[in-house]
Structure formats: structure tokens, C-alpha cells
Amino acid sequence: MKKNMGTTDKVIRIGIAVVIAVLYFTNVISVTWAILLGILALVFLLTSFFSFCPLYFPFGINTFKNKKQ
């Protein structure tokens, strides 16, 4: 699996996941929204960890900058 996510993408996704977690733990979001947004946060964290977004692949998006270039 080739990396297709750059550092900026990862930072933004992790930031959004943290915001969702804070909203959940401060009881700002209800149960249904908490489940939906929690799943989204988990997907964001996983894609950030692997530096690969499956939705980028069909559209040919690649924000990963190879340091060898």
C-alpha cells in the first residue's frame, strides 16, 4: 500500500478526531451523533496512522511528498 497522505492531511485529520473526542467527553453531542462522529474519528485516526486514504486512490489524489525527489 503506497502512502498518499502528507503531513498536513494527517495533522488535520488527527485534529478533527481530537475535537470529536472532546465534544463527546463534554457531552456536547448526543448518542446518535456521538456514534456517527466516533466512527468518523476512528477512520481519520486509522488513515492518519497508515498515511493512506482509500478515497484518494480512485481520484488520483496524492499529497505525500517523497523526500527523495
N, C-alpha and C. Protein backbone atom coordinates (compact mmCIF):
# COMPACT_ATOMS: atom_id res chain seq x y z
N MET A 1 0.85 -1.16 0.00
CA MET A 1 0.00 0.00 0.00
C MET A 1 0.91 1.24 0.00
N LYS A 2 0.78 2.04 -1.02
CA LYS A 2 1.58 3.25 -1.13
C LYS A 2 0.98 4.37 -0.29
N LYS A 3 1.84 5.17 0.29
CA LYS A 3 1.38 6.31 1.06
C LYS A 3 0.84 7.36 0.11
N ASN A 4 -0.31 7.95 0.46
CA ASN A 4 -0.85 9.01 -0.38
C ASN A 4 -1.33 10.21 0.45
N MET A 5 -0.93 10.26 1.74
CA MET A 5 -1.33 11.36 2.60
C MET A 5 -0.10 12.06 3.15
N GLY A 6 -0.09 13.37 3.01
CA GLY A 6 1.02 14.15 3.54
C GLY A 6 0.82 14.51 5.00
N THR A 7 1.80 15.20 5.54
CA THR A 7 1.78 15.57 6.95
C THR A 7 0.62 16.50 7.29
N THR A 8 0.33 17.43 6.43
CA THR A 8 -0.77 18.37 6.68
C THR A 8 -2.10 17.63 6.77
N ASP A 9 -2.33 16.70 5.87
CA ASP A 9 -3.55 15.89 5.91
C ASP A 9 -3.67 15.14 7.23
N LYS A 10 -2.55 14.54 7.66
CA LYS A 10 -2.58 13.77 8.91
C LYS A 10 -2.87 14.66 10.11
N VAL A 11 -2.26 15.82 10.16
CA VAL A 11 -2.47 16.74 11.28
C VAL A 11 -3.92 17.21 11.33
N ILE A 12 -4.50 17.53 10.20
CA ILE A 12 -5.89 17.97 10.15
C ILE A 12 -6.83 16.86 10.59
N ARG A 13 -6.60 15.64 10.12
CA ARG A 13 -7.46 14.51 10.49
C ARG A 13 -7.35 14.19 11.98
N ILE A 14 -6.15 14.21 12.52
CA ILE A 14 -5.98 13.96 13.95
C ILE A 14 -6.63 15.07 14.77
N GLY A 15 -6.50 16.31 14.30
CA GLY A 15 -7.15 17.43 14.99
C GLY A 15 -8.67 17.29 15.02
N ILE A 16 -9.25 16.89 13.91
CA ILE A 16 -10.70 16.69 13.86
C ILE A 16 -11.11 15.55 14.81
N ALA A 17 -10.33 14.48 14.85
CA ALA A 17 -10.63 13.36 15.75
C ALA A 17 -10.56 13.81 17.20
N VAL A 18 -9.60 14.65 17.54
CA VAL A 18 -9.49 15.16 18.91
C VAL A 18 -10.69 16.04 19.26
N VAL A 19 -11.10 16.89 18.34
CA VAL A 19 -12.27 17.75 18.58
C VAL A 19 -13.51 16.90 18.81
N ILE A 20 -13.69 15.86 18.01
CA ILE A 20 -14.84 14.97 18.19
C ILE A 20 -14.78 14.30 19.56
N ALA A 21 -13.60 13.87 19.98
CA ALA A 21 -13.46 13.24 21.30
C ALA A 21 -13.80 14.22 22.42
N VAL A 22 -13.33 15.45 22.30
CA VAL A 22 -13.64 16.47 23.31
C VAL A 22 -15.14 16.74 23.37
N LEU A 23 -15.77 16.85 22.21
CA LEU A 23 -17.22 17.06 22.18
C LEU A 23 -17.97 15.91 22.84
N TYR A 24 -17.49 14.69 22.63
CA TYR A 24 -18.13 13.53 23.24
C TYR A 24 -17.96 13.54 24.77
N PHE A 25 -16.75 13.74 25.23
CA PHE A 25 -16.48 13.67 26.66
C PHE A 25 -17.05 14.85 27.44
N THR A 26 -17.38 15.94 26.77
CA THR A 26 -18.02 17.07 27.44
C THR A 26 -19.54 17.04 27.25
N ASN A 27 -20.05 15.93 26.70
CA ASN A 27 -21.49 15.72 26.49
C ASN A 27 -22.15 16.79 25.63
N VAL A 28 -21.42 17.30 24.66
CA VAL A 28 -21.98 18.29 23.74
C VAL A 28 -22.77 17.60 22.63
N ILE A 29 -22.34 16.42 22.23
CA ILE A 29 -23.03 15.70 21.16
C ILE A 29 -23.84 14.55 21.77
N SER A 30 -25.00 14.28 21.16
CA SER A 30 -25.91 13.26 21.66
C SER A 30 -25.43 11.86 21.25
N VAL A 31 -26.15 10.86 21.69
CA VAL A 31 -25.74 9.47 21.48
C VAL A 31 -25.60 9.12 20.01
N THR A 32 -26.60 9.45 19.20
CA THR A 32 -26.56 9.10 17.77
C THR A 32 -25.40 9.81 17.08
N TRP A 33 -25.27 11.10 17.32
CA TRP A 33 -24.17 11.86 16.72
C TRP A 33 -22.83 11.37 17.25
N ALA A 34 -22.78 11.01 18.51
CA ALA A 34 -21.53 10.52 19.10
C ALA A 34 -21.07 9.24 18.41
N ILE A 35 -21.99 8.35 18.11
CA ILE A 35 -21.64 7.10 17.43
C ILE A 35 -21.14 7.39 16.01
N LEU A 36 -21.89 8.19 15.27
CA LEU A 36 -21.51 8.51 13.89
C LEU A 36 -20.17 9.25 13.82
N LEU A 37 -20.03 10.26 14.65
CA LEU A 37 -18.78 11.04 14.64
C LEU A 37 -17.63 10.24 15.22
N GLY A 38 -17.92 9.33 16.16
CA GLY A 38 -16.88 8.47 16.70
C GLY A 38 -16.32 7.54 15.64
N ILE A 39 -17.19 7.00 14.80
CA ILE A 39 -16.73 6.16 13.70
C ILE A 39 -15.88 6.97 12.73
N LEU A 40 -16.32 8.18 12.42
CA LEU A 40 -15.55 9.05 11.54
C LEU A 40 -14.18 9.37 12.14
N ALA A 41 -14.15 9.65 13.45
CA ALA A 41 -12.88 9.94 14.12
C ALA A 41 -11.95 8.73 14.07
N LEU A 42 -12.51 7.55 14.26
CA LEU A 42 -11.69 6.33 14.20
C LEU A 42 -11.11 6.14 12.80
N VAL A 43 -11.91 6.38 11.78
CA VAL A 43 -11.42 6.27 10.40
C VAL A 43 -10.32 7.29 10.14
N PHE A 44 -10.51 8.51 10.63
CA PHE A 44 -9.48 9.55 10.46
C PHE A 44 -8.18 9.14 11.14
N LEU A 45 -8.27 8.58 12.35
CA LEU A 45 -7.06 8.16 13.05
C LEU A 45 -6.36 7.01 12.33
N LEU A 46 -7.13 6.05 11.84
CA LEU A 46 -6.52 4.91 11.14
C LEU A 46 -5.86 5.34 9.84
N THR A 47 -6.54 6.19 9.07
CA THR A 47 -5.94 6.64 7.81
C THR A 47 -4.70 7.50 8.07
N SER A 48 -4.70 8.26 9.16
CA SER A 48 -3.53 9.05 9.51
C SER A 48 -2.37 8.15 9.93
N PHE A 49 -2.68 7.11 10.68
CA PHE A 49 -1.64 6.19 11.14
C PHE A 49 -0.96 5.48 9.96
N PHE A 50 -1.75 5.05 8.97
CA PHE A 50 -1.20 4.33 7.83
C PHE A 50 -0.78 5.24 6.68
N SER A 51 -1.08 6.53 6.77
CA SER A 51 -0.76 7.51 5.71
C SER A 51 -1.37 7.11 4.37
N PHE A 52 -2.51 6.47 4.42
CA PHE A 52 -3.19 6.03 3.20
C PHE A 52 -4.68 6.26 3.34
N CYS A 53 -5.25 6.97 2.37
CA CYS A 53 -6.68 7.20 2.34
C CYS A 53 -7.25 6.47 1.11
N PRO A 54 -8.12 5.49 1.33
CA PRO A 54 -8.67 4.74 0.20
C PRO A 54 -9.49 5.61 -0.76
N LEU A 55 -10.08 6.69 -0.28
CA LEU A 55 -10.86 7.56 -1.16
C LEU A 55 -9.98 8.42 -2.06
N TYR A 56 -8.73 8.62 -1.69
CA TYR A 56 -7.81 9.37 -2.54
C TYR A 56 -7.44 8.56 -3.79
N PHE A 57 -7.36 7.24 -3.65
CA PHE A 57 -6.88 6.38 -4.73
C PHE A 57 -7.69 6.50 -6.02
N PRO A 58 -9.04 6.35 -6.01
CA PRO A 58 -9.78 6.41 -7.28
C PRO A 58 -9.73 7.77 -7.95
N PHE A 59 -9.51 8.82 -7.16
CA PHE A 59 -9.47 10.17 -7.72
C PHE A 59 -8.05 10.62 -8.07
N GLY A 60 -7.07 9.79 -7.78
CA GLY A 60 -5.69 10.10 -8.11
C GLY A 60 -5.08 11.19 -7.25
N ILE A 61 -5.60 11.39 -6.06
CA ILE A 61 -5.08 12.43 -5.16
C ILE A 61 -3.90 11.86 -4.40
N ASN A 62 -2.82 12.62 -4.33
CA ASN A 62 -1.64 12.21 -3.57
C ASN A 62 -1.01 13.46 -2.99
N THR A 63 -1.05 13.60 -1.67
CA THR A 63 -0.46 14.77 -1.02
C THR A 63 0.85 14.40 -0.30
N PHE A 64 1.27 13.16 -0.45
CA PHE A 64 2.51 12.69 0.17
C PHE A 64 3.69 13.20 -0.63
N LYS A 65 4.60 13.85 0.06
CA LYS A 65 5.80 14.37 -0.60
C LYS A 65 6.96 13.44 -0.30
N ASN A 66 7.49 12.83 -1.33
CA ASN A 66 8.63 11.92 -1.17
C ASN A 66 9.88 12.74 -0.98
N LYS A 67 10.64 12.48 0.07
CA LYS A 67 11.85 13.26 0.37
C LYS A 67 12.99 12.98 -0.61
N LYS A 68 12.89 11.91 -1.39
CA LYS A 68 13.94 11.56 -2.35
C LYS A 68 13.88 12.41 -3.61
N GLN A 69 12.79 13.12 -3.84
CA GLN A 69 12.63 13.88 -5.08
C GLN A 69 13.42 15.14 -5.07
